[in-house]
C-alpha atoms as a PDB file:
ATOM      1  CA  MET A   1     -42.189 -13.749 -43.376  1.00  0.00           C
ATOM      2  CA  GLY A   2     -39.804 -12.006 -41.164  1.00  0.00           C
ATOM      3  CA  THR A   3     -36.746 -10.752 -42.189  1.00  0.00           C
ATOM      4  CA  PRO A   4     -33.478 -12.515 -40.714  1.00  0.00           C
ATOM      5  CA  LEU A   5     -31.497 -10.777 -38.122  1.00  0.00           C
ATOM      6  CA  ASN A   6     -28.458  -9.005 -39.875  1.00  0.00           C
ATOM      7  CA  LEU A   7     -24.872  -9.576 -38.862  1.00  0.00           C
ATOM      8  CA  THR A   8     -24.406  -6.569 -36.774  1.00  0.00           C
ATOM      9  CA  SER A   9     -27.274  -7.855 -34.454  1.00  0.00           C
ATOM     10  CA  ASN A  10     -25.834 -11.198 -34.380  1.00  0.00           C
ATOM     11  CA  ILE A  11     -22.412  -9.973 -33.600  1.00  0.00           C
ATOM     12  CA  PHE A  12     -23.694  -7.367 -30.976  1.00  0.00           C
ATOM     13  CA  PHE A  13     -25.440 -10.240 -29.160  1.00  0.00           C
ATOM     14  CA  PHE A  14     -22.487 -12.381 -29.108  1.00  0.00           C
ATOM     15  CA  ILE A  15     -20.175  -9.446 -27.918  1.00  0.00           C
ATOM     16  CA  PHE A  16     -23.034  -8.828 -25.227  1.00  0.00           C
ATOM     17  CA  THR A  17     -23.228 -12.280 -23.944  1.00  0.00           C
ATOM     18  CA  LEU A  18     -19.284 -12.866 -23.808  1.00  0.00           C
ATOM     19  CA  THR A  19     -19.218  -9.485 -21.714  1.00  0.00           C
ATOM     20  CA  ILE A  20     -21.793 -10.923 -19.605  1.00  0.00           C
ATOM     21  CA  PHE A  21     -19.984 -13.866 -18.996  1.00  0.00           C
ATOM     22  CA  PHE A  22     -16.575 -12.302 -18.411  1.00  0.00           C
ATOM     23  CA  VAL A  23     -18.064 -10.184 -15.687  1.00  0.00           C
ATOM     24  CA  ALA A  24     -20.179 -13.108 -14.014  1.00  0.00           C
ATOM     25  CA  TYR A  25     -16.824 -15.023 -13.685  1.00  0.00           C
ATOM     26  CA  THR A  26     -14.036 -12.502 -12.904  1.00  0.00           C
ATOM     27  CA  PHE A  27     -15.835 -10.725 -10.108  1.00  0.00           C
ATOM     28  CA  PRO A  28     -14.798 -12.227  -6.901  1.00  0.00           C
ATOM     29  CA  ARG A  29     -17.490 -14.042  -5.132  1.00  0.00           C
ATOM     30  CA  LEU A  30     -18.606 -13.024  -1.365  1.00  0.00           C
ATOM     31  CA  GLN A  31     -17.233 -15.999   0.379  1.00  0.00           C
ATOM     32  CA  PRO A  32     -17.881 -16.228   3.964  1.00  0.00           C
ATOM     33  CA  LYS A  33     -14.861 -15.546   6.647  1.00  0.00           C
ATOM     34  CA  GLN A  34     -14.473 -17.788   9.319  1.00  0.00           C
ATOM     35  CA  THR A  35     -13.220 -16.556  12.705  1.00  0.00           C
ATOM     36  CA  ASN A  36     -12.513 -18.716  15.596  1.00  0.00           C
ATOM     37  CA  LEU A  37     -12.559 -16.970  19.376  1.00  0.00           C
ATOM     38  CA  VAL A  38     -11.380 -18.032  22.479  1.00  0.00           C
ATOM     39  CA  PHE A  39     -12.615 -16.362  25.604  1.00  0.00           C
ATOM     40  CA  TYR A  40     -13.662 -16.538  29.407  1.00  0.00           C
ATOM     41  CA  VAL A  41     -16.845 -15.573  31.044  1.00  0.00           C
ATOM     42  CA  HIS A  42     -16.599 -14.981  34.742  1.00  0.00           C
ATOM     43  CA  ASP A  43     -20.169 -15.786  36.362  1.00  0.00           C
ATOM     44  CA  HIS A  44     -20.631 -14.685  39.892  1.00  0.00           C
ATOM     45  CA  PHE A  45     -24.017 -14.731  41.662  1.00  0.00           C
ATOM     46  CA  THR A  46     -22.496 -13.868  45.095  1.00  0.00           C
ATOM     47  CA  GLY A  47     -20.019 -11.544  46.719  1.00  0.00           C
ATOM     48  CA  GLU A  48     -18.867  -7.817  46.224  1.00  0.00           C
ATOM     49  CA  LEU A  49     -18.278  -8.235  42.560  1.00  0.00           C
ATOM     50  CA  SER A  50     -21.529 -10.128  41.733  1.00  0.00           C
ATOM     51  CA  THR A  51     -22.421  -9.945  38.054  1.00  0.00           C
ATOM     52  CA  ALA A  52     -25.675 -12.058  38.031  1.00  0.00           C
ATOM     53  CA  ALA A  53     -28.723 -12.178  39.918  1.00  0.00           C
ATOM     54  CA  THR A  54     -31.992 -14.199  40.288  1.00  0.00           C
ATOM     55  CA  VAL A  55     -34.948 -12.229  39.489  1.00  0.00           C
ATOM     56  CA  ALA A  56     -37.746 -14.913  39.533  1.00  0.00           C
ATOM     57  CA  GLY A  57     -38.666 -18.265  40.636  1.00  0.00           C
ATOM     58  CA  LYS A  58     -40.487 -20.590  42.986  1.00  0.00           C
ATOM     59  CA  SER A  59     -39.274 -18.481  45.710  1.00  0.00           C
ATOM     60  CA  GLY A  60     -39.511 -15.070  43.924  1.00  0.00           C
ATOM     61  CA  PRO A  61     -36.494 -13.296  43.420  1.00  0.00           C
ATOM     62  CA  ALA A  62     -34.718 -15.196  46.369  1.00  0.00           C
ATOM     63  CA  SER A  63     -34.725 -18.266  44.197  1.00  0.00           C
ATOM     64  CA  ASN A  64     -31.477 -20.113  43.773  1.00  0.00           C
ATOM     65  CA  ILE A  65     -30.613 -20.338  40.012  1.00  0.00           C
ATOM     66  CA  LEU A  66     -29.775 -23.956  40.798  1.00  0.00           C
ATOM     67  CA  HIS A  67     -33.423 -24.525  41.213  1.00  0.00           C
ATOM     68  CA  PHE A  68     -35.982 -25.455  38.094  1.00  0.00           C
ATOM     69  CA  GLY A  69     -38.063 -22.327  36.840  1.00  0.00           C
ATOM     70  CA  THR A  70     -35.541 -19.826  38.309  1.00  0.00           C
ATOM     71  CA  VAL A  71     -34.841 -16.752  36.252  1.00  0.00           C
ATOM     72  CA  ALA A  72     -31.423 -14.885  36.170  1.00  0.00           C
ATOM     73  CA  VAL A  73     -30.055 -11.718  34.497  1.00  0.00           C
ATOM     74  CA  VAL A  74     -26.185 -11.434  33.756  1.00  0.00           C
ATOM     75  CA  ASP A  75     -23.755  -8.909  33.127  1.00  0.00           C
ATOM     76  CA  ASP A  76     -20.516 -10.950  33.424  1.00  0.00           C
ATOM     77  CA  PRO A  77     -17.007  -9.772  32.426  1.00  0.00           C
ATOM     78  CA  VAL A  78     -15.286 -11.489  29.418  1.00  0.00           C
ATOM     79  CA  THR A  79     -11.756 -11.734  29.348  1.00  0.00           C
ATOM     80  CA  VAL A  80      -8.614 -13.158  27.316  1.00  0.00           C
ATOM     81  CA  GLY A  81      -7.887 -15.741  29.946  1.00  0.00           C
ATOM     82  CA  PRO A  82      -9.295 -17.659  32.982  1.00  0.00           C
ATOM     83  CA  SER A  83      -7.938 -15.390  35.499  1.00  0.00           C
ATOM     84  CA  ASP A  84     -10.531 -12.791  37.038  1.00  0.00           C
ATOM     85  CA  ASP A  85      -7.718  -9.872  36.281  1.00  0.00           C
ATOM     86  CA  SER A  86      -7.145 -10.919  33.069  1.00  0.00           C
ATOM     87  CA  LYS A  87      -7.572  -8.497  30.146  1.00  0.00           C
ATOM     88  CA  LEU A  88     -11.382  -7.285  29.902  1.00  0.00           C
ATOM     89  CA  ILE A  89     -12.536  -7.478  26.039  1.00  0.00           C
ATOM     90  CA  GLY A  90     -16.286  -7.358  26.740  1.00  0.00           C
ATOM     91  CA  ARG A  91     -19.548  -8.378  28.660  1.00  0.00           C
ATOM     92  CA  ALA A  92     -21.947 -11.263  28.662  1.00  0.00           C
ATOM     93  CA  GLN A  93     -25.302  -9.639  29.005  1.00  0.00           C
ATOM     94  CA  GLY A  94     -28.533 -11.716  29.001  1.00  0.00           C
ATOM     95  CA  ILE A  95     -30.636 -14.063  30.865  1.00  0.00           C
ATOM     96  CA  TYR A  96     -30.669 -17.799  32.118  1.00  0.00           C
ATOM     97  CA  VAL A  97     -33.389 -19.941  32.874  1.00  0.00           C
ATOM     98  CA  ASN A  98     -33.142 -23.193  35.028  1.00  0.00           C
ATOM     99  CA  SER A  99     -35.068 -25.241  32.630  1.00  0.00           C
ATOM    100  CA  GLN A 100     -34.453 -28.846  33.710  1.00  0.00           C
ATOM    101  CA  LEU A 101     -36.321 -30.334  36.497  1.00  0.00           C
ATOM    102  CA  ASP A 102     -33.538 -31.819  38.162  1.00  0.00           C
ATOM    103  CA  GLY A 103     -31.997 -28.202  38.463  1.00  0.00           C
ATOM    104  CA  LYS A 104     -28.833 -28.963  36.449  1.00  0.00           C
ATOM    105  CA  GLY A 105     -29.581 -27.233  33.089  1.00  0.00           C
ATOM    106  CA  LEU A 106     -29.970 -23.959  31.901  1.00  0.00           C
ATOM    107  CA  TYR A 107     -31.347 -22.189  28.825  1.00  0.00           C
ATOM    108  CA  MET A 108     -29.193 -19.417  27.843  1.00  0.00           C
ATOM    109  CA  VAL A 109     -29.488 -16.295  25.695  1.00  0.00           C
ATOM    110  CA  PHE A 110     -27.057 -13.463  25.849  1.00  0.00           C
ATOM    111  CA  SER A 111     -25.169 -11.030  23.824  1.00  0.00           C
ATOM    112  CA  VAL A 112     -21.229 -11.002  23.817  1.00  0.00           C
ATOM    113  CA  ILE A 113     -20.621  -7.288  23.515  1.00  0.00           C
ATOM    114  CA  PHE A 114     -16.986  -6.671  22.804  1.00  0.00           C
ATOM    115  CA  THR A 115     -15.552  -3.443  24.364  1.00  0.00           C
ATOM    116  CA  ASN A 116     -12.024  -3.652  23.870  1.00  0.00           C
ATOM    117  CA  GLY A 117     -10.048  -5.323  21.134  1.00  0.00           C
ATOM    118  CA  LYS A 118     -10.228  -5.945  17.295  1.00  0.00           C
ATOM    119  CA  PHE A 119     -13.994  -6.632  17.711  1.00  0.00           C
ATOM    120  CA  LYS A 120     -14.503  -3.390  19.741  1.00  0.00           C
ATOM    121  CA  GLY A 121     -18.531  -2.483  19.113  1.00  0.00           C
ATOM    122  CA  SER A 122     -19.307  -5.775  17.641  1.00  0.00           C
ATOM    123  CA  SER A 123     -21.726  -8.405  19.367  1.00  0.00           C
ATOM    124  CA  LEU A 124     -22.487 -12.124  19.073  1.00  0.00           C
ATOM    125  CA  GLU A 125     -25.910 -13.491  19.799  1.00  0.00           C
ATOM    126  CA  ILE A 126     -25.693 -16.757  21.990  1.00  0.00           C
ATOM    127  CA  GLN A 127     -28.414 -19.070  22.655  1.00  0.00           C
ATOM    128  CA  GLY A 128     -28.876 -22.704  24.000  1.00  0.00           C
ATOM    129  CA  SER A 129     -28.732 -25.245  26.677  1.00  0.00           C
ATOM    130  CA  ASP A 130     -26.038 -25.352  29.234  1.00  0.00           C
ATOM    131  CA  ILE A 131     -26.323 -28.685  31.370  1.00  0.00           C
ATOM    132  CA  PHE A 132     -23.372 -27.465  33.551  1.00  0.00           C
ATOM    133  CA  THR A 133     -22.717 -31.070  34.864  1.00  0.00           C
ATOM    134  CA  MET A 134     -21.180 -32.011  31.513  1.00  0.00           C
ATOM    135  CA  THR A 135     -17.471 -31.238  30.869  1.00  0.00           C
ATOM    136  CA  GLU A 136     -18.104 -29.568  27.368  1.00  0.00           C
ATOM    137  CA  ARG A 137     -21.663 -28.391  25.895  1.00  0.00           C
ATOM    138  CA  GLU A 138     -22.371 -27.001  22.581  1.00  0.00           C
ATOM    139  CA  PHE A 139     -24.450 -24.084  21.883  1.00  0.00           C
ATOM    140  CA  GLY A 140     -25.462 -21.874  18.842  1.00  0.00           C
ATOM    141  CA  VAL A 141     -24.113 -18.647  17.383  1.00  0.00           C
ATOM    142  CA  VAL A 142     -27.504 -17.211  15.912  1.00  0.00           C
ATOM    143  CA  SER A 143     -26.728 -13.569  15.093  1.00  0.00           C
ATOM    144  CA  GLY A 144     -24.194 -10.639  15.452  1.00  0.00           C
ATOM    145  CA  THR A 145     -23.456  -7.201  14.911  1.00  0.00           C
ATOM    146  CA  GLY A 146     -20.579  -4.995  13.586  1.00  0.00           C
ATOM    147  CA  TYR A 147     -17.639  -7.179  12.531  1.00  0.00           C
ATOM    148  CA  PHE A 148     -20.143 -10.096  12.940  1.00  0.00           C
ATOM    149  CA  ARG A 149     -23.140  -8.954  10.796  1.00  0.00           C
ATOM    150  CA  PHE A 150     -24.615 -12.030   9.142  1.00  0.00           C
ATOM    151  CA  VAL A 151     -22.834 -14.416  11.555  1.00  0.00           C
ATOM    152  CA  LYS A 152     -23.924 -18.055  12.039  1.00  0.00           C
ATOM    153  CA  GLY A 153     -21.793 -20.444  14.229  1.00  0.00           C
ATOM    154  CA  TYR A 154     -21.373 -22.606  17.106  1.00  0.00           C
ATOM    155  CA  GLY A 155     -19.608 -22.779  20.364  1.00  0.00           C
ATOM    156  CA  ILE A 156     -18.018 -25.178  22.848  1.00  0.00           C
ATOM    157  CA  MET A 157     -18.530 -24.039  26.375  1.00  0.00           C
ATOM    158  CA  GLU A 158     -16.215 -25.736  29.191  1.00  0.00           C
ATOM    159  CA  THR A 159     -16.204 -25.212  32.792  1.00  0.00           C
ATOM    160  CA  VAL A 160     -12.798 -23.922  33.934  1.00  0.00           C
ATOM    161  CA  PHE A 161     -13.851 -23.276  37.551  1.00  0.00           C
ATOM    162  CA  MET A 162     -17.064 -23.915  39.789  1.00  0.00           C
ATOM    163  CA  ASP A 163     -17.607 -23.108  43.235  1.00  0.00           C
ATOM    164  CA  ILE A 164     -21.472 -24.405  43.710  1.00  0.00           C
ATOM    165  CA  ALA A 165     -21.360 -23.303  47.447  1.00  0.00           C
ATOM    166  CA  SER A 166     -20.650 -19.438  46.549  1.00  0.00           C
ATOM    167  CA  LEU A 167     -22.511 -19.932  42.844  1.00  0.00           C
ATOM    168  CA  MET A 168     -19.228 -18.750  41.215  1.00  0.00           C
ATOM    169  CA  ALA A 169     -17.822 -20.137  37.924  1.00  0.00           C
ATOM    170  CA  THR A 170     -15.293 -19.167  35.199  1.00  0.00           C
ATOM    171  CA  LEU A 171     -16.377 -20.598  31.590  1.00  0.00           C
ATOM    172  CA  LYS A 172     -14.271 -21.021  28.506  1.00  0.00           C
ATOM    173  CA  LEU A 173     -16.138 -20.311  25.505  1.00  0.00           C
ATOM    174  CA  ASN A 174     -14.530 -21.608  21.923  1.00  0.00           C
ATOM    175  CA  VAL A 175     -16.657 -20.107  19.196  1.00  0.00           C
ATOM    176  CA  THR A 176     -16.507 -20.582  15.551  1.00  0.00           C
ATOM    177  CA  VAL A 177     -18.485 -18.388  13.445  1.00  0.00           C
ATOM    178  CA  LYS A 178     -18.756 -17.730   9.480  1.00  0.00           C
ATOM    179  CA  HIS A 179     -19.540 -14.054   8.450  1.00  0.00           C
ATOM    180  CA  TYR A 180     -19.297 -11.837   5.753  1.00  0.00           C
END
């Protein structure tokens, strides 16, 4: 028959257990931060300062982004306000694909790369559907870098200005993300 544990072992075990519980409950837990951003993307397919171009489609690079199957690349300015001359805080760089048969919906995947302000050097990765005939549409924020590392969230996109004839638009993005 084995010998029972002595009193010293029991006291050591009790103090060790209490220490573990104390440490586990007193260290701050990593809680995600929530950040809300509002910014504007200026999308110009025509003009001297065009920031978007079609690269493929049924008619090749001459395709129109309003036609099903057209692929476009963008490098749009991101500003704090809706005006073209508002303070520049970054660029929206990525791809739009017209993925709706009637031509009224885009699949978008792009990075918002912050070049000025509080989030300089950080980025948000955005993807989702953009049915641009709707007043508001929701998209996902699927990743990020820098300040937005381990981000997950969503955004609401709203058209502030659209000129279909010249293929120019200003979009308001209201983004809510959780990150560490």
